[in-house]
Amino acid sequence: MANKVLTASGQLRAVPGTVYGVIVSCDGVTSGDKVEFKDALTDTGTSQLSIVFGGTDDIASFCPSIPVRFSTGIYMTMTKTGGTMTVTVLYD
């Protein structure tokens, strides 16, 4: 299992993989901003997992009892109107 910290949209894996957990810290984001994980090599893929924020300074964690599998690759997209997000992903 690996972990990666991202502060912008980007590719986690260029081959199939599994997400085991996500921790997101936000500072100054807008309610409704989100982080999505797509089953793809780019931002054009199908969303498999979304975390939507309700406040400006928020922390969210996601540890599913059944890991989320991706058959093509794993691409993470941040949608925010301002502020910063730091995303730590546990995956393989």
C-alpha atoms as a PDB file:
ATOM      1  CA  MET A   1       0.000   0.000   0.000  1.00  0.00           C
ATOM      2  CA  ALA A   2       1.222   3.505  -0.837  1.00  0.00           C
ATOM      3  CA  ASN A   3       0.167   6.976   0.185  1.00  0.00           C
ATOM      4  CA  LYS A   4       0.339  10.206  -1.744  1.00  0.00           C
ATOM      5  CA  VAL A   5      -0.327  13.805  -0.763  1.00  0.00           C
ATOM      6  CA  LEU A   6      -1.860  16.053  -3.435  1.00  0.00           C
ATOM      7  CA  THR A   7      -2.606  19.780  -3.391  1.00  0.00           C
ATOM      8  CA  ALA A   8      -3.970  19.911  -6.966  1.00  0.00           C
ATOM      9  CA  SER A   9      -5.794  17.637  -9.394  1.00  0.00           C
ATOM     10  CA  GLY A  10      -3.668  14.796 -10.711  1.00  0.00           C
ATOM     11  CA  GLN A  11      -3.154  11.146 -11.538  1.00  0.00           C
ATOM     12  CA  LEU A  12      -2.501   8.658  -8.726  1.00  0.00           C
ATOM     13  CA  ARG A  13      -2.092   5.541 -10.887  1.00  0.00           C
ATOM     14  CA  ALA A  14      -1.850   4.839 -14.600  1.00  0.00           C
ATOM     15  CA  VAL A  15      -2.982   1.231 -14.079  1.00  0.00           C
ATOM     16  CA  PRO A  16      -5.913  -0.360 -12.200  1.00  0.00           C
ATOM     17  CA  GLY A  17      -5.841   0.184  -8.438  1.00  0.00           C
ATOM     18  CA  THR A  18      -7.721   0.406  -5.166  1.00  0.00           C
ATOM     19  CA  VAL A  19      -8.373   3.316  -2.771  1.00  0.00           C
ATOM     20  CA  TYR A  20      -8.410   2.317   0.903  1.00  0.00           C
ATOM     21  CA  GLY A  21      -8.740   5.697   2.552  1.00  0.00           C
ATOM     22  CA  VAL A  22      -8.760   9.466   1.995  1.00  0.00           C
ATOM     23  CA  ILE A  23      -8.028  12.350   4.379  1.00  0.00           C
ATOM     24  CA  VAL A  24      -8.735  15.908   3.191  1.00  0.00           C
ATOM     25  CA  SER A  25      -7.891  19.130   4.993  1.00  0.00           C
ATOM     26  CA  CYS A  26      -9.395  22.388   3.697  1.00  0.00           C
ATOM     27  CA  ASP A  27      -8.655  26.022   4.418  1.00  0.00           C
ATOM     28  CA  GLY A  28     -10.805  28.775   2.946  1.00  0.00           C
ATOM     29  CA  VAL A  29     -12.808  26.633   0.533  1.00  0.00           C
ATOM     30  CA  THR A  30     -16.465  27.278  -0.289  1.00  0.00           C
ATOM     31  CA  SER A  31     -19.373  25.076   0.750  1.00  0.00           C
ATOM     32  CA  GLY A  32     -19.983  22.613  -2.083  1.00  0.00           C
ATOM     33  CA  ASP A  33     -16.338  22.374  -3.187  1.00  0.00           C
ATOM     34  CA  LYS A  34     -15.310  18.753  -3.678  1.00  0.00           C
ATOM     35  CA  VAL A  35     -12.708  16.101  -4.333  1.00  0.00           C
ATOM     36  CA  GLU A  36     -13.549  13.342  -6.825  1.00  0.00           C
ATOM     37  CA  PHE A  37     -11.748  10.144  -7.720  1.00  0.00           C
ATOM     38  CA  LYS A  38     -12.265   8.998 -11.296  1.00  0.00           C
ATOM     39  CA  ASP A  39     -11.703   5.622 -12.932  1.00  0.00           C
ATOM     40  CA  ALA A  40      -9.478   7.084 -15.644  1.00  0.00           C
ATOM     41  CA  LEU A  41      -6.032   8.326 -16.614  1.00  0.00           C
ATOM     42  CA  THR A  42      -7.266  11.930 -16.980  1.00  0.00           C
ATOM     43  CA  ASP A  43     -10.060  14.169 -15.709  1.00  0.00           C
ATOM     44  CA  THR A  44     -12.489  12.717 -18.288  1.00  0.00           C
ATOM     45  CA  GLY A  45     -13.285   9.482 -16.438  1.00  0.00           C
ATOM     46  CA  THR A  46     -16.269   8.255 -14.480  1.00  0.00           C
ATOM     47  CA  SER A  47     -16.443   9.433 -10.868  1.00  0.00           C
ATOM     48  CA  GLN A  48     -16.217   6.518  -8.421  1.00  0.00           C
ATOM     49  CA  LEU A  49     -15.955   8.522  -5.182  1.00  0.00           C
ATOM     50  CA  SER A  50     -16.811  12.140  -4.221  1.00  0.00           C
ATOM     51  CA  ILE A  51     -16.246  14.067  -1.006  1.00  0.00           C
ATOM     52  CA  VAL A  52     -18.209  17.353  -0.816  1.00  0.00           C
ATOM     53  CA  PHE A  53     -17.436  19.997   1.813  1.00  0.00           C
ATOM     54  CA  GLY A  54     -19.961  21.917   3.858  1.00  0.00           C
ATOM     55  CA  GLY A  55     -17.767  24.668   5.281  1.00  0.00           C
ATOM     56  CA  THR A  56     -14.757  26.842   4.674  1.00  0.00           C
ATOM     57  CA  ASP A  57     -12.344  25.149   7.074  1.00  0.00           C
ATOM     58  CA  ASP A  58     -13.100  21.457   7.096  1.00  0.00           C
ATOM     59  CA  ILE A  59     -11.440  18.088   7.580  1.00  0.00           C
ATOM     60  CA  ALA A  60     -12.908  14.940   6.064  1.00  0.00           C
ATOM     61  CA  SER A  61     -11.818  11.334   6.221  1.00  0.00           C
ATOM     62  CA  PHE A  62     -13.131   8.379   4.270  1.00  0.00           C
ATOM     63  CA  CYS A  63     -12.206   4.799   5.164  1.00  0.00           C
ATOM     64  CA  PRO A  64     -14.659   2.428   3.458  1.00  0.00           C
ATOM     65  CA  SER A  65     -15.225  -1.061   4.820  1.00  0.00           C
ATOM     66  CA  ILE A  66     -14.960  -2.284   1.215  1.00  0.00           C
ATOM     67  CA  PRO A  67     -12.128  -0.583  -0.727  1.00  0.00           C
ATOM     68  CA  VAL A  68     -13.029   1.348  -3.891  1.00  0.00           C
ATOM     69  CA  ARG A  69     -11.625  -0.377  -6.993  1.00  0.00           C
ATOM     70  CA  PHE A  70     -10.629   1.355 -10.225  1.00  0.00           C
ATOM     71  CA  SER A  71     -10.281  -0.695 -13.420  1.00  0.00           C
ATOM     72  CA  THR A  72      -8.467   1.826 -15.670  1.00  0.00           C
ATOM     73  CA  GLY A  73      -6.448   4.114 -13.387  1.00  0.00           C
ATOM     74  CA  ILE A  74      -6.998   6.579 -10.547  1.00  0.00           C
ATOM     75  CA  TYR A  75      -7.326  10.308 -11.226  1.00  0.00           C
ATOM     76  CA  MET A  76      -8.232  12.830  -8.516  1.00  0.00           C
ATOM     77  CA  THR A  77      -9.998  16.104  -9.355  1.00  0.00           C
ATOM     78  CA  MET A  78     -10.306  19.062  -6.964  1.00  0.00           C
ATOM     79  CA  THR A  79     -13.142  21.489  -7.611  1.00  0.00           C
ATOM     80  CA  LYS A  80     -12.771  24.624  -5.511  1.00  0.00           C
ATOM     81  CA  THR A  81     -13.513  28.319  -5.862  1.00  0.00           C
ATOM     82  CA  GLY A  82     -10.650  29.392  -3.598  1.00  0.00           C
ATOM     83  CA  GLY A  83      -8.592  28.376  -0.598  1.00  0.00           C
ATOM     84  CA  THR A  84      -6.469  25.253  -0.347  1.00  0.00           C
ATOM     85  CA  MET A  85      -7.022  21.509  -0.067  1.00  0.00           C
ATOM     86  CA  THR A  86      -4.504  18.911   0.999  1.00  0.00           C
ATOM     87  CA  VAL A  87      -5.505  15.338   0.137  1.00  0.00           C
ATOM     88  CA  THR A  88      -3.768  12.247   1.493  1.00  0.00           C
ATOM     89  CA  VAL A  89      -4.760   9.040  -0.309  1.00  0.00           C
ATOM     90  CA  LEU A  90      -4.022   5.451   0.781  1.00  0.00           C
ATOM     91  CA  TYR A  91      -4.032   3.263  -2.311  1.00  0.00           C
ATOM     92  CA  ASP A  92      -2.376   0.512  -4.287  1.00  0.00           C
END
